[in-house]
């Protein structure tokens, strides 16, 4: 069964860092787009970042630009989200997601422009002040 599994969440102090992992099984992430979303209590799920493994392009939501970095490791079949300078408002459940088909070369991976359908179960991040 093709699936993605997140890990790496936890409790961290303001200003700290975490690295989230999105590991794929049952398929390879080559040529797929992978995005990270999060959902805070009482709020809608929001897109944060994405990477196209087809052409290497990336996108970031404004509030995480410069603090979060998305990286794909094909050898590990995993996409990472490095999160630095964490803030209390970053507290949320973080999800990774992919499409069910490879993304065409040159197609934007932005979550408003691409259909993400395969979701993980999420990993909790708590930023304590």
Protein backbone atom coordinates (compact mmCIF):
# COMPACT_ATOMS: atom_id res chain seq x y z
CA UNK A 1 0.00 0.00 0.00
CA UNK A 2 1.32 3.40 -0.98
CA UNK A 3 1.47 5.74 1.98
CA UNK A 4 3.39 8.55 3.65
CA UNK A 5 4.24 8.71 7.33
CA UNK A 6 5.30 11.80 9.25
CA UNK A 7 7.63 11.84 12.22
CA UNK A 8 9.86 14.24 14.12
CA UNK A 9 7.32 16.31 15.97
CA UNK A 10 7.61 17.13 19.63
CA UNK A 11 7.85 19.82 22.27
CA UNK A 12 10.34 22.62 21.70
CA UNK A 13 10.97 26.03 23.22
CA UNK A 14 10.49 29.30 21.38
CA UNK A 15 13.38 29.87 19.04
CA UNK A 16 14.20 26.19 18.82
CA UNK A 17 14.30 23.87 15.85
CA UNK A 18 12.75 20.62 14.70
CA UNK A 19 13.12 18.52 11.59
CA UNK A 20 10.03 16.74 10.38
CA UNK A 21 10.25 13.71 8.12
CA UNK A 22 7.81 12.48 5.52
CA UNK A 23 8.74 8.93 4.60
CA UNK A 24 7.08 7.25 1.64
CA UNK A 25 6.47 3.52 1.36
CA UNK A 26 4.93 1.48 -1.42
CA UNK A 27 6.08 3.98 -4.02
CA UNK A 28 9.06 6.24 -4.71
CA UNK A 29 8.84 9.99 -4.32
CA UNK A 30 10.83 10.61 -7.49
CA UNK A 31 8.76 12.82 -9.80
CA UNK A 32 6.10 13.40 -7.14
CA UNK A 33 5.20 16.65 -5.46
CA UNK A 34 5.21 16.67 -1.67
CA UNK A 35 3.65 19.35 0.48
CA UNK A 36 3.52 20.11 4.17
CA UNK A 37 0.38 21.42 5.83
CA UNK A 38 -0.49 22.14 9.42
CA UNK A 39 -3.65 22.50 11.44
CA UNK A 40 -3.80 24.36 14.73
CA UNK A 41 -6.67 23.87 17.19
CA UNK A 42 -9.76 25.69 16.03
CA UNK A 43 -8.19 26.67 12.73
CA UNK A 44 -8.35 25.41 9.19
CA UNK A 45 -5.54 23.36 7.71
CA UNK A 46 -3.05 25.58 5.92
CA UNK A 47 -0.38 24.88 3.34
CA UNK A 48 3.19 25.70 4.34
CA UNK A 49 5.63 24.44 1.76
CA UNK A 50 5.97 22.11 -1.17
CA UNK A 51 8.62 20.61 -3.40
CA UNK A 52 8.36 19.14 -6.85
CA UNK A 53 10.67 16.15 -7.22
CA UNK A 54 10.14 16.49 -10.96
CA UNK A 55 11.96 19.79 -11.38
CA UNK A 56 13.11 20.70 -7.87
CA UNK A 57 10.95 23.79 -7.52
CA UNK A 58 9.76 24.79 -4.07
CA UNK A 59 7.16 27.09 -2.55
CA UNK A 60 6.72 28.56 0.92
CA UNK A 61 3.88 30.25 2.69
CA UNK A 62 4.83 33.78 3.78
CA UNK A 63 4.78 33.12 7.52
CA UNK A 64 7.40 30.36 7.28
CA UNK A 65 9.58 31.83 4.53
CA UNK A 66 13.14 32.11 5.79
CA UNK A 67 12.48 29.89 8.81
CA UNK A 68 11.41 26.58 7.23
CA UNK A 69 13.27 24.66 4.54
CA UNK A 70 11.93 21.74 2.55
CA UNK A 71 14.41 19.18 1.26
CA UNK A 72 13.98 15.94 -0.63
CA UNK A 73 16.30 12.96 -0.09
CA UNK A 74 15.71 10.43 -2.85
CA UNK A 75 18.08 7.87 -1.29
CA UNK A 76 15.89 7.80 1.81
CA UNK A 77 12.65 8.25 -0.12
CA UNK A 78 11.88 10.98 2.35
CA UNK A 79 11.10 14.69 2.33
CA UNK A 80 12.19 16.75 5.30
CA UNK A 81 10.89 20.01 6.70
CA UNK A 82 13.57 21.80 8.69
CA UNK A 83 11.90 24.28 11.03
CA UNK A 84 14.02 26.94 12.72
CA UNK A 85 13.24 29.88 14.98
CA UNK A 86 9.96 28.31 16.03
CA UNK A 87 7.21 30.45 17.47
CA UNK A 88 4.21 29.62 19.68
CA UNK A 89 1.94 30.17 16.67
CA UNK A 90 3.71 27.27 14.93
CA UNK A 91 2.04 24.88 17.36
CA UNK A 92 -0.10 22.52 15.29
CA UNK A 93 -0.41 19.05 13.86
CA UNK A 94 1.79 18.86 10.78
CA UNK A 95 0.85 16.72 7.79
CA UNK A 96 2.66 15.75 4.65
CA UNK A 97 0.85 14.88 1.48
CA UNK A 98 1.52 13.86 -2.10
CA UNK A 99 -0.43 13.52 -5.29
CA UNK A 100 -1.46 10.06 -6.46
CA UNK A 101 0.37 10.57 -9.74
CA UNK A 102 3.75 12.09 -10.60
CA UNK A 103 3.74 15.84 -11.09
CA UNK A 104 4.40 16.99 -14.66
CA UNK A 105 7.72 18.75 -15.20
CA UNK A 106 7.23 22.50 -14.80
CA UNK A 107 3.88 22.20 -13.06
CA UNK A 108 3.67 24.23 -9.86
CA UNK A 109 3.57 22.21 -6.65
CA UNK A 110 1.78 25.04 -4.82
CA UNK A 111 -1.12 23.62 -2.81
CA UNK A 112 -3.59 25.98 -4.49
CA UNK A 113 -2.51 24.73 -7.92
CA UNK A 114 -1.99 21.01 -7.39
CA UNK A 115 -4.26 18.24 -6.13
CA UNK A 116 -2.83 16.54 -3.06
CA UNK A 117 -4.71 13.39 -2.16
CA UNK A 118 -2.43 11.04 -0.21
CA UNK A 119 -2.14 12.20 3.40
CA UNK A 120 -0.22 11.02 6.40
CA UNK A 121 -1.58 10.78 9.92
CA UNK A 122 0.21 13.89 11.16
CA UNK A 123 2.79 14.68 13.80
CA UNK A 124 2.25 17.09 16.69
CA UNK A 125 4.49 20.12 17.16
CA UNK A 126 4.22 22.16 20.34
CA UNK A 127 6.22 25.34 20.76
CA UNK A 128 6.41 26.40 24.37
CA UNK A 129 7.06 29.92 25.57
